[in-house]
Amino acid sequence: GFGALLFSGGDETGGLSSAATPDAAPTADSEIDTQRALYAD
């Protein structure tokens, strides 16, 4: 409900978050979840 308020959009990896680019089109959650799972592994 308020997840957008919890974290900053700063990113030194070269990627951009939606907070930094409000007009960016949202990506599929499933792909992000896949990458999060890879990161967790």
Full PDB file with SEQRES, HELIX, SHEET, SSBOND, CRYST1, ORIGX, SCALE, CONECT and MASTER records, all heavy atoms in Angstrom:
SEQRES   1 A   41  GLY PHE GLY ALA LEU LEU PHE SER GLY GLY ASP GLU THR          
SEQRES   2 A   41  GLY GLY LEU SER SER ALA ALA THR PRO ASP ALA ALA PRO          
SEQRES   3 A   41  THR ALA ASP SER GLU ILE ASP THR GLN ARG ALA LEU TYR          
SEQRES   4 A   41  ALA ASP                                                      
HELIX    1 AA1 GLY A    3  LEU A    5  5                                   3    
HELIX    2 AA2 ASP A   29  ALA A   40  1                                  12    
CRYST1    1.000    1.000    1.000  90.00  90.00  90.00 P 1           1          
ORIGX1      1.000000  0.000000  0.000000        0.00000                         
ORIGX2      0.000000  1.000000  0.000000        0.00000                         
ORIGX3      0.000000  0.000000  1.000000        0.00000                         
SCALE1      1.000000  0.000000  0.000000        0.00000                         
SCALE2      0.000000  1.000000  0.000000        0.00000                         
SCALE3      0.000000  0.000000  1.000000        0.00000                         
ATOM      1  N   GLY A   1       0.797  -1.212   0.000  1.00  0.00           N  
ATOM      2  CA  GLY A   1       0.000   0.000   0.000  1.00  0.00           C  
ATOM      3  C   GLY A   1       0.829   1.261   0.000  1.00  0.00           C  
ATOM      4  O   GLY A   1       0.393   2.288  -0.488  1.00  0.00           O  
ATOM      5  N   PHE A   2       2.046   1.212   0.590  1.00  0.00           N  
ATOM      6  CA  PHE A   2       2.872   2.412   0.592  1.00  0.00           C  
ATOM      7  C   PHE A   2       4.306   2.063   0.243  1.00  0.00           C  
ATOM      8  O   PHE A   2       5.238   2.738   0.619  1.00  0.00           O  
ATOM      9  CB  PHE A   2       2.832   3.100   1.966  1.00  0.00           C  
ATOM     10  CG  PHE A   2       3.201   2.193   3.111  1.00  0.00           C  
ATOM     11  CD1 PHE A   2       4.518   2.104   3.544  1.00  0.00           C  
ATOM     12  CD2 PHE A   2       2.228   1.424   3.739  1.00  0.00           C  
ATOM     13  CE1 PHE A   2       4.841   1.265   4.593  1.00  0.00           C  
ATOM     14  CE2 PHE A   2       2.583   0.592   4.786  1.00  0.00           C  
ATOM     15  CZ  PHE A   2       3.877   0.509   5.219  1.00  0.00           C  
ATOM     16  N   GLY A   3       4.480   0.982  -0.521  1.00  0.00           N  
ATOM     17  CA  GLY A   3       5.827   0.533  -0.867  1.00  0.00           C  
ATOM     18  C   GLY A   3       6.644   1.584  -1.564  1.00  0.00           C  
ATOM     19  O   GLY A   3       7.857   1.660  -1.407  1.00  0.00           O  
ATOM     20  N   ALA A   4       5.969   2.444  -2.357  1.00  0.00           N  
ATOM     21  CA  ALA A   4       6.712   3.456  -3.098  1.00  0.00           C  
ATOM     22  C   ALA A   4       7.398   4.446  -2.183  1.00  0.00           C  
ATOM     23  O   ALA A   4       8.292   5.163  -2.595  1.00  0.00           O  
ATOM     24  CB  ALA A   4       5.767   4.201  -4.042  1.00  0.00           C  
ATOM     25  N   LEU A   5       6.992   4.498  -0.920  1.00  0.00           N  
ATOM     26  CA  LEU A   5       7.575   5.456   0.001  1.00  0.00           C  
ATOM     27  C   LEU A   5       8.766   4.894   0.756  1.00  0.00           C  
ATOM     28  O   LEU A   5       9.451   5.626   1.454  1.00  0.00           O  
ATOM     29  CB  LEU A   5       6.517   5.889   1.031  1.00  0.00           C  
ATOM     30  CG  LEU A   5       5.274   6.557   0.467  1.00  0.00           C  
ATOM     31  CD1 LEU A   5       4.319   6.870   1.610  1.00  0.00           C  
ATOM     32  CD2 LEU A   5       5.626   7.826  -0.283  1.00  0.00           C  
ATOM     33  N   LEU A   6       9.033   3.607   0.628  1.00  0.00           N  
ATOM     34  CA  LEU A   6      10.008   2.986   1.510  1.00  0.00           C  
ATOM     35  C   LEU A   6      11.448   3.113   1.051  1.00  0.00           C  
ATOM     36  O   LEU A   6      12.351   3.060   1.867  1.00  0.00           O  
ATOM     37  CB  LEU A   6       9.677   1.504   1.697  1.00  0.00           C  
ATOM     38  CG  LEU A   6       8.380   1.213   2.437  1.00  0.00           C  
ATOM     39  CD1 LEU A   6       8.203  -0.291   2.581  1.00  0.00           C  
ATOM     40  CD2 LEU A   6       8.372   1.869   3.805  1.00  0.00           C  
ATOM     41  N   PHE A   7      11.698   3.234  -0.224  1.00  0.00           N  
ATOM     42  CA  PHE A   7      13.069   3.220  -0.706  1.00  0.00           C  
ATOM     43  C   PHE A   7      13.309   4.333  -1.705  1.00  0.00           C  
ATOM     44  O   PHE A   7      12.417   4.729  -2.448  1.00  0.00           O  
ATOM     45  CB  PHE A   7      13.406   1.875  -1.369  1.00  0.00           C  
ATOM     46  CG  PHE A   7      13.404   0.743  -0.401  1.00  0.00           C  
ATOM     47  CD1 PHE A   7      12.238   0.041  -0.141  1.00  0.00           C  
ATOM     48  CD2 PHE A   7      14.560   0.388   0.278  1.00  0.00           C  
ATOM     49  CE1 PHE A   7      12.226  -0.989   0.757  1.00  0.00           C  
ATOM     50  CE2 PHE A   7      14.549  -0.645   1.177  1.00  0.00           C  
ATOM     51  CZ  PHE A   7      13.386  -1.344   1.424  1.00  0.00           C  
ATOM     52  N   SER A   8      14.571   4.798  -1.741  1.00  0.00           N  
ATOM     53  CA  SER A   8      14.933   5.850  -2.683  1.00  0.00           C  
ATOM     54  C   SER A   8      15.138   5.261  -4.056  1.00  0.00           C  
ATOM     55  O   SER A   8      15.333   4.071  -4.223  1.00  0.00           O  
ATOM     56  CB  SER A   8      16.214   6.544  -2.224  1.00  0.00           C  
ATOM     57  OG  SER A   8      17.301   5.645  -2.324  1.00  0.00           O  
ATOM     58  N   GLY A   9      15.186   6.127  -5.038  1.00  0.00           N  
ATOM     59  CA  GLY A   9      15.398   5.662  -6.400  1.00  0.00           C  
ATOM     60  C   GLY A   9      16.849   5.698  -6.795  1.00  0.00           C  
ATOM     61  O   GLY A   9      17.177   5.427  -7.929  1.00  0.00           O  
ATOM     62  N   GLY A  10      17.767   6.109  -5.890  1.00  0.00           N  
ATOM     63  CA  GLY A  10      19.172   6.207  -6.232  1.00  0.00           C  
ATOM     64  C   GLY A  10      19.724   4.872  -6.642  1.00  0.00           C  
ATOM     65  O   GLY A  10      19.414   3.855  -6.055  1.00  0.00           O  
ATOM     66  N   ASP A  11      20.593   4.853  -7.646  1.00  0.00           N  
ATOM     67  CA  ASP A  11      21.125   3.587  -8.140  1.00  0.00           C  
ATOM     68  C   ASP A  11      22.472   3.841  -8.775  1.00  0.00           C  
ATOM     69  O   ASP A  11      22.564   4.556  -9.761  1.00  0.00           O  
ATOM     70  CB  ASP A  11      20.162   3.000  -9.176  1.00  0.00           C  
ATOM     71  CG  ASP A  11      20.598   1.635  -9.656  1.00  0.00           C  
ATOM     72  OD1 ASP A  11      21.612   1.128  -9.146  1.00  0.00           O  
ATOM     73  OD2 ASP A  11      19.925   1.097 -10.550  1.00  0.00           O  
ATOM     74  N   GLU A  12      23.544   3.299  -8.201  1.00  0.00           N  
ATOM     75  CA  GLU A  12      24.869   3.516  -8.762  1.00  0.00           C  
ATOM     76  C   GLU A  12      25.238   2.410  -9.730  1.00  0.00           C  
ATOM     77  O   GLU A  12      26.362   2.311 -10.185  1.00  0.00           O  
ATOM     78  CB  GLU A  12      25.908   3.603  -7.644  1.00  0.00           C  
ATOM     79  CG  GLU A  12      26.067   2.333  -6.861  1.00  0.00           C  
ATOM     80  CD  GLU A  12      26.971   2.524  -5.674  1.00  0.00           C  
ATOM     81  OE1 GLU A  12      26.934   3.587  -5.060  1.00  0.00           O  
ATOM     82  OE2 GLU A  12      27.722   1.596  -5.362  1.00  0.00           O  
ATOM     83  N   THR A  13      24.289   1.541 -10.059  1.00  0.00           N  
ATOM     84  CA  THR A  13      24.604   0.439 -10.958  1.00  0.00           C  
ATOM     85  C   THR A  13      24.508   0.864 -12.414  1.00  0.00           C  
ATOM     86  O   THR A  13      24.917   0.140 -13.307  1.00  0.00           O  
ATOM     87  CB  THR A  13      23.613  -0.717 -10.744  1.00  0.00           C  
ATOM     88  OG1 THR A  13      22.304  -0.265 -11.102  1.00  0.00           O  
ATOM     89  CG2 THR A  13      23.620  -1.184  -9.313  1.00  0.00           C  
ATOM     90  N   GLY A  14      23.908   2.011 -12.647  1.00  0.00           N  
ATOM     91  CA  GLY A  14      23.702   2.429 -14.028  1.00  0.00           C  
ATOM     92  C   GLY A  14      22.261   2.244 -14.445  1.00  0.00           C  
ATOM     93  O   GLY A  14      21.803   2.801 -15.430  1.00  0.00           O  
ATOM     94  N   GLY A  15      21.492   1.442 -13.669  1.00  0.00           N  
ATOM     95  CA  GLY A  15      20.085   1.266 -13.962  1.00  0.00           C  
ATOM     96  C   GLY A  15      19.280   2.378 -13.341  1.00  0.00           C  
ATOM     97  O   GLY A  15      19.742   3.101 -12.473  1.00  0.00           O  
ATOM     98  N   LEU A  16      18.026   2.541 -13.761  1.00  0.00           N  
ATOM     99  CA  LEU A  16      17.182   3.596 -13.259  1.00  0.00           C  
ATOM    100  C   LEU A  16      15.956   2.991 -12.615  1.00  0.00           C  
ATOM    101  O   LEU A  16      15.430   1.983 -13.068  1.00  0.00           O  
ATOM    102  CB  LEU A  16      16.754   4.527 -14.406  1.00  0.00           C  
ATOM    103  CG  LEU A  16      17.884   5.251 -15.139  1.00  0.00           C  
ATOM    104  CD1 LEU A  16      17.310   6.034 -16.319  1.00  0.00           C  
ATOM    105  CD2 LEU A  16      18.625   6.172 -14.192  1.00  0.00           C  
ATOM    106  N   SER A  17      15.504   3.609 -11.545  1.00  0.00           N  
ATOM    107  CA  SER A  17      14.273   3.150 -10.911  1.00  0.00           C  
ATOM    108  C   SER A  17      13.125   4.011 -11.398  1.00  0.00           C  
ATOM    109  O   SER A  17      13.312   5.079 -11.977  1.00  0.00           O  
ATOM    110  CB  SER A  17      14.390   3.265  -9.389  1.00  0.00           C  
ATOM    111  OG  SER A  17      14.332   4.617  -9.001  1.00  0.00           O  
ATOM    112  N   SER A  18      11.896   3.571 -11.118  1.00  0.00           N  
ATOM    113  CA  SER A  18      10.734   4.329 -11.558  1.00  0.00           C  
ATOM    114  C   SER A  18      10.634   5.649 -10.825  1.00  0.00           C  
ATOM    115  O   SER A  18      10.022   6.575 -11.309  1.00  0.00           O  
ATOM    116  CB  SER A  18       9.466   3.501 -11.358  1.00  0.00           C  
ATOM    117  OG  SER A  18       9.309   3.144 -10.006  1.00  0.00           O  
ATOM    118  N   ALA A  19      11.250   5.734  -9.602  1.00  0.00           N  
ATOM    119  CA  ALA A  19      11.221   6.999  -8.881  1.00  0.00           C  
ATOM    120  C   ALA A  19      12.026   8.049  -9.622  1.00  0.00           C  
ATOM    121  O   ALA A  19      11.720   9.229  -9.602  1.00  0.00           O  
ATOM    122  CB  ALA A  19      11.769   6.815  -7.469  1.00  0.00           C  
ATOM    123  N   ALA A  20      13.111   7.599 -10.304  1.00  0.00           N  
ATOM    124  CA  ALA A  20      13.954   8.535 -11.038  1.00  0.00           C  
ATOM    125  C   ALA A  20      13.369   8.836 -12.415  1.00  0.00           C  
ATOM    126  O   ALA A  20      13.635   9.872 -12.995  1.00  0.00           O  
ATOM    127  CB  ALA A  20      15.357   7.974 -11.192  1.00  0.00           C  
ATOM    128  N   THR A  21      12.571   7.912 -12.958  1.00  0.00           N  
ATOM    129  CA  THR A  21      11.982   8.096 -14.280  1.00  0.00           C  
ATOM    130  C   THR A  21      10.492   7.811 -14.187  1.00  0.00           C  
ATOM    131  O   THR A  21      10.038   6.713 -14.503  1.00  0.00           O  
ATOM    132  CB  THR A  21      12.635   7.151 -15.300  1.00  0.00           C  
ATOM    133  OG1 THR A  21      12.509   5.810 -14.827  1.00  0.00           O  
ATOM    134  CG2 THR A  21      14.103   7.467 -15.479  1.00  0.00           C  
ATOM    135  N   PRO A  22       9.718   8.785 -13.742  1.00  0.00           N  
ATOM    136  CA  PRO A  22       8.286   8.539 -13.506  1.00  0.00           C  
ATOM    137  C   PRO A  22       7.518   8.162 -14.752  1.00  0.00           C  
ATOM    138  O   PRO A  22       6.459   7.560 -14.663  1.00  0.00           O  
ATOM    139  CB  PRO A  22       7.801   9.883 -12.938  1.00  0.00           C  
ATOM    140  CG  PRO A  22       8.816  10.891 -13.404  1.00  0.00           C  
ATOM    141  CD  PRO A  22      10.110  10.151 -13.422  1.00  0.00           C  
ATOM    142  N   ASP A  23       8.038   8.497 -15.927  1.00  0.00           N  
ATOM    143  CA  ASP A  23       7.308   8.177 -17.142  1.00  0.00           C  
ATOM    144  C   ASP A  23       7.650   6.801 -17.693  1.00  0.00           C  
ATOM    145  O   ASP A  23       7.111   6.384 -18.706  1.00  0.00           O  
ATOM    146  CB  ASP A  23       7.630   9.232 -18.215  1.00  0.00           C  
ATOM    147  CG  ASP A  23       7.149  10.609 -17.801  1.00  0.00           C  
ATOM    148  OD1 ASP A  23       6.150  10.673 -17.057  1.00  0.00           O  
ATOM    149  OD2 ASP A  23       7.782  11.595 -18.202  1.00  0.00           O  
ATOM    150  N   ALA A  24       8.593   6.106 -17.002  1.00  0.00           N  
ATOM    151  CA  ALA A  24       9.002   4.803 -17.507  1.00  0.00           C  
ATOM    152  C   ALA A  24       7.843   3.820 -17.405  1.00  0.00           C  
ATOM    153  O   ALA A  24       7.104   3.792 -16.430  1.00  0.00           O  
ATOM    154  CB  ALA A  24      10.192   4.283 -16.718  1.00  0.00           C  
ATOM    155  N   ALA A  25       7.708   3.003 -18.411  1.00  0.00           N  
ATOM    156  CA  ALA A  25       6.630   2.015 -18.408  1.00  0.00           C  
ATOM    157  C   ALA A  25       6.974   0.894 -17.439  1.00  0.00           C  
ATOM    158  O   ALA A  25       8.119   0.451 -17.366  1.00  0.00           O  
ATOM    159  CB  ALA A  25       6.462   1.446 -19.810  1.00  0.00           C  
ATOM    160  N   PRO A  26       6.025   0.420 -16.657  1.00  0.00           N  
ATOM    161  CA  PRO A  26       6.302  -0.663 -15.721  1.00  0.00           C  
ATOM    162  C   PRO A  26       6.645  -1.947 -16.464  1.00  0.00           C  
ATOM    163  O   PRO A  26       6.142  -2.220 -17.550  1.00  0.00           O  
ATOM    164  CB  PRO A  26       4.984  -0.804 -14.945  1.00  0.00           C  
ATOM    165  CG  PRO A  26       3.940  -0.263 -15.879  1.00  0.00           C  
ATOM    166  CD  PRO A  26       4.606   0.837 -16.632  1.00  0.00           C  
ATOM    167  N   THR A  27       7.533  -2.736 -15.864  1.00  0.00           N  
ATOM    168  CA  THR A  27       7.923  -4.011 -16.449  1.00  0.00           C  
ATOM    169  C   THR A  27       7.157  -5.127 -15.777  1.00  0.00           C  
ATOM    170  O   THR A  27       6.541  -4.957 -14.744  1.00  0.00           O  
ATOM    171  CB  THR A  27       9.424  -4.245 -16.282  1.00  0.00           C  
ATOM    172  OG1 THR A  27       9.718  -4.220 -14.885  1.00  0.00           O  
ATOM    173  CG2 THR A  27      10.231  -3.167 -16.986  1.00  0.00           C  
ATOM    174  N   ALA A  28       7.232  -6.309 -16.378  1.00  0.00           N  
ATOM    175  CA  ALA A  28       6.508  -7.457 -15.833  1.00  0.00           C  
ATOM    176  C   ALA A  28       7.099  -7.825 -14.479  1.00  0.00           C  
ATOM    177  O   ALA A  28       8.303  -8.001 -14.337  1.00  0.00           O  
ATOM    178  CB  ALA A  28       6.610  -8.630 -16.803  1.00  0.00           C  
ATOM    179  N   ASP A  29       6.212  -7.949 -13.488  1.00  0.00           N  
ATOM    180  CA  ASP A  29       6.679  -8.307 -12.151  1.00  0.00           C  
ATOM    181  C   ASP A  29       7.359  -9.665 -12.148  1.00  0.00           C  
ATOM    182  O   ASP A  29       8.276  -9.898 -11.358  1.00  0.00           O  
ATOM    183  CB  ASP A  29       5.490  -8.313 -11.174  1.00  0.00           C  
ATOM    184  CG  ASP A  29       4.985  -6.912 -10.884  1.00  0.00           C  
ATOM    185  OD1 ASP A  29       5.726  -5.951 -11.176  1.00  0.00           O  
ATOM    186  OD2 ASP A  29       3.858  -6.789 -10.379  1.00  0.00           O  
ATOM    187  N   SER A  30       6.920 -10.554 -13.019  1.00  0.00           N  
ATOM    188  CA  SER A  30       7.493 -11.896 -13.007  1.00  0.00           C  
ATOM    189  C   SER A  30       8.985 -11.872 -13.342  1.00  0.00           C  
ATOM    190  O   SER A  30       9.773 -12.614 -12.755  1.00  0.00           O  
ATOM    191  CB  SER A  30       6.758 -12.787 -14.010  1.00  0.00           C  
ATOM    192  OG  SER A  30       6.851 -12.249 -15.324  1.00  0.00           O  
ATOM    193  N   GLU A  31       9.403 -11.024 -14.274  1.00  0.00           N  
ATOM    194  CA  GLU A  31      10.818 -10.929 -14.628  1.00  0.00           C  
ATOM    195  C   GLU A  31      11.618 -10.326 -13.478  1.00  0.00           C  
ATOM    196  O   GLU A  31      12.728 -10.776 -13.178  1.00  0.00           O  
ATOM    197  CB  GLU A  31      11.002 -10.089 -15.898  1.00  0.00           C  
ATOM    198  CG  GLU A  31      12.455  -9.840 -16.281  1.00  0.00           C  
ATOM    199  CD  GLU A  31      13.244 -11.113 -16.525  1.00  0.00           C  
ATOM    200  OE1 GLU A  31      12.621 -12.164 -16.829  1.00  0.00           O  
ATOM    201  OE2 GLU A  31      14.485 -11.074 -16.400  1.00  0.00           O  
ATOM    202  N   ILE A  32      11.077  -9.317 -12.825  1.00  0.00           N  
ATOM    203  CA  ILE A  32      11.763  -8.722 -11.676  1.00  0.00           C  
ATOM    204  C   ILE A  32      11.882  -9.750 -10.555  1.00  0.00           C  
ATOM    205  O   ILE A  32      12.931  -9.877  -9.911  1.00  0.00           O  
ATOM    206  CB  ILE A  32      11.012  -7.465 -11.191  1.00  0.00           C  
ATOM    207  CG1 ILE A  32      11.080  -6.383 -12.269  1.00  0.00           C  
ATOM    208  CG2 ILE A  32      11.593  -6.952  -9.884  1.00  0.00           C  
ATOM    209  CD1 ILE A  32      10.283  -5.138 -11.955  1.00  0.00           C  
ATOM    210  N   ASP A  33      10.808 -10.504 -10.321  1.00  0.00           N  
ATOM    211  CA  ASP A  33      10.865 -11.550  -9.296  1.00  0.00           C  
ATOM    212  C   ASP A  33      11.916 -12.595  -9.648  1.00  0.00           C  
ATOM    213  O   ASP A  33      12.613 -13.109  -8.765  1.00  0.00           O  
ATOM    214  CB  ASP A  33       9.489 -12.220  -9.155  1.00  0.00           C  
ATOM    215  CG  ASP A  33       8.463 -11.301  -8.521  1.00  0.00           C  
ATOM    216  OD1 ASP A  33       8.881 -10.296  -7.904  1.00  0.00           O  
ATOM    217  OD2 ASP A  33       7.258 -11.576  -8.643  1.00  0.00           O  
ATOM    218  N   THR A  34      12.032 -12.910 -10.940  1.00  0.00           N  
ATOM    219  CA  THR A  34      13.054 -13.868 -11.363  1.00  0.00           C  
ATOM    220  C   THR A  34      14.448 -13.346 -11.050  1.00  0.00           C  
ATOM    221  O   THR A  34      15.304 -14.087 -10.542  1.00  0.00           O  
ATOM    222  CB  THR A  34      12.933 -14.143 -12.879  1.00  0.00           C  
ATOM    223  OG1 THR A  34      11.669 -14.747 -13.140  1.00  0.00           O  
ATOM    224  CG2 THR A  34      14.049 -15.059 -13.350  1.00  0.00           C  
ATOM    225  N   GLN A  35      14.688 -12.073 -11.327  1.00  0.00           N  
ATOM    226  CA  GLN A  35      16.002 -11.488 -11.059  1.00  0.00           C  
ATOM    227  C   GLN A  35      16.258 -11.397  -9.558  1.00  0.00           C  
ATOM    228  O   GLN A  35      17.385 -11.612  -9.093  1.00  0.00           O  
ATOM    229  CB  GLN A  35      16.095 -10.098 -11.697  1.00  0.00           C  
ATOM    230  CG  GLN A  35      16.017 -10.106 -13.211  1.00  0.00           C  
ATOM    231  CD  GLN A  35      17.103 -10.979 -13.838  1.00  0.00           C  
ATOM    232  OE1 GLN A  35      18.264 -10.961 -13.422  1.00  0.00           O  
ATOM    233  NE2 GLN A  35      16.715 -11.754 -14.852  1.00  0.00           N  
ATOM    234  N   ARG A  36      15.217 -11.107  -8.792  1.00  0.00           N  
ATOM    235  CA  ARG A  36      15.380 -11.087  -7.331  1.00  0.00           C  
ATOM    236  C   ARG A  36      15.732 -12.480  -6.811  1.00  0.00           C  
ATOM    237  O   ARG A  36      16.534 -12.630  -5.895  1.00  0.00           O  
ATOM    238  CB  ARG A  36      14.100 -10.583  -6.669  1.00  0.00           C  
ATOM    239  CG  ARG A  36      13.958  -9.065  -6.690  1.00  0.00           C  
ATOM    240  CD  ARG A  36      12.744  -8.621  -5.912  1.00  0.00           C  
ATOM    241  NE  ARG A  36      12.759  -7.185  -5.664  1.00  0.00           N  
ATOM    242  CZ  ARG A  36      11.743  -6.373  -5.868  1.00  0.00           C  
ATOM    243  NH1 ARG A  36      10.601  -6.853  -6.356  1.00  0.00           N  
ATOM    244  NH2 ARG A  36      11.840  -5.082  -5.593  1.00  0.00           N  
ATOM    245  N   ALA A  37      15.122 -13.489  -7.397  1.00  0.00           N  
ATOM    246  CA  ALA A  37      15.430 -14.861  -6.985  1.00  0.00           C  
ATOM    247  C   ALA A  37      16.874 -15.208  -7.327  1.00  0.00           C  
ATOM    248  O   ALA A  37      17.572 -15.866  -6.541  1.00  0.00           O  
ATOM    249  CB  ALA A  37      14.467 -15.839  -7.655  1.00  0.00           C  
ATOM    250  N   LEU A  38      17.338 -14.770  -8.507  1.00  0.00           N  
ATOM    251  CA  LEU A  38      18.729 -14.998  -8.890  1.00  0.00           C  
ATOM    252  C   LEU A  38      19.672 -14.282  -7.927  1.00  0.00           C  
ATOM    253  O   LEU A  38      20.702 -14.827  -7.517  1.00  0.00           O  
ATOM    254  CB  LEU A  38      18.974 -14.515 -10.319  1.00  0.00           C  
ATOM    255  CG  LEU A  38      18.301 -15.325 -11.439  1.00  0.00           C  
ATOM    256  CD1 LEU A  38      18.488 -14.627 -12.783  1.00  0.00           C  
ATOM    257  CD2 LEU A  38      18.875 -16.743 -11.475  1.00  0.00           C  
ATOM    258  N   TYR A  39      19.302 -13.048  -7.566  1.00  0.00           N  
ATOM    259  CA  TYR A  39      20.117 -12.285  -6.610  1.00  0.00           C  
ATOM    260  C   TYR A  39      20.168 -13.000  -5.256  1.00  0.00           C  
ATOM    261  O   TYR A  39      21.235 -13.139  -4.654  1.00  0.00           O  
ATOM    262  CB  TYR A  39      19.543 -10.877  -6.435  1.00  0.00           C  
ATOM    263  CG  TYR A  39      20.370  -9.990  -5.519  1.00  0.00           C  
ATOM    264  CD1 TYR A  39      21.330  -9.133  -6.044  1.00  0.00           C  
ATOM    265  CD2 TYR A  39      20.188 -10.021  -4.136  1.00  0.00           C  
ATOM    266  CE1 TYR A  39      22.089  -8.322  -5.221  1.00  0.00           C  
ATOM    267  CE2 TYR A  39      20.940  -9.218  -3.298  1.00  0.00           C  
ATOM    268  CZ  TYR A  39      21.891  -8.374  -3.844  1.00  0.00           C  
ATOM    269  OH  TYR A  39      22.645  -7.582  -3.003  1.00  0.00           O  
ATOM    270  N   ALA A  40      19.006 -13.459  -4.798  1.00  0.00           N  
ATOM    271  CA  ALA A  40      18.957 -14.154  -3.509  1.00  0.00           C  
ATOM    272  C   ALA A  40      19.808 -15.425  -3.535  1.00  0.00           C  
ATOM    273  O   ALA A  40      20.462 -15.770  -2.546  1.00  0.00           O  
ATOM    274  CB  ALA A  40      17.509 -14.490  -3.160  1.00  0.00           C  
ATOM    275  N   ASP A  41      19.811 -16.116  -4.676  1.00  0.00           N  
ATOM    276  CA  ASP A  41      20.628 -17.317  -4.813  1.00  0.00           C  
ATOM    277  C   ASP A  41      22.116 -16.973  -4.730  1.00  0.00           C  
ATOM    278  O   ASP A  41      22.887 -17.652  -4.043  1.00  0.00           O  
ATOM    279  CB  ASP A  41      20.318 -18.006  -6.137  1.00  0.00           C  
ATOM    280  CG  ASP A  41      21.105 -19.297  -6.315  1.00  0.00           C  
ATOM    281  OD1 ASP A  41      20.944 -20.215  -5.485  1.00  0.00           O  
ATOM    282  OD2 ASP A  41      21.878 -19.403  -7.290  1.00  0.00           O  
TER     283      ASP A  41                                                      
MASTER        0    0    0    2    0    0    0    6  282    1    0    4          
END                                                                             
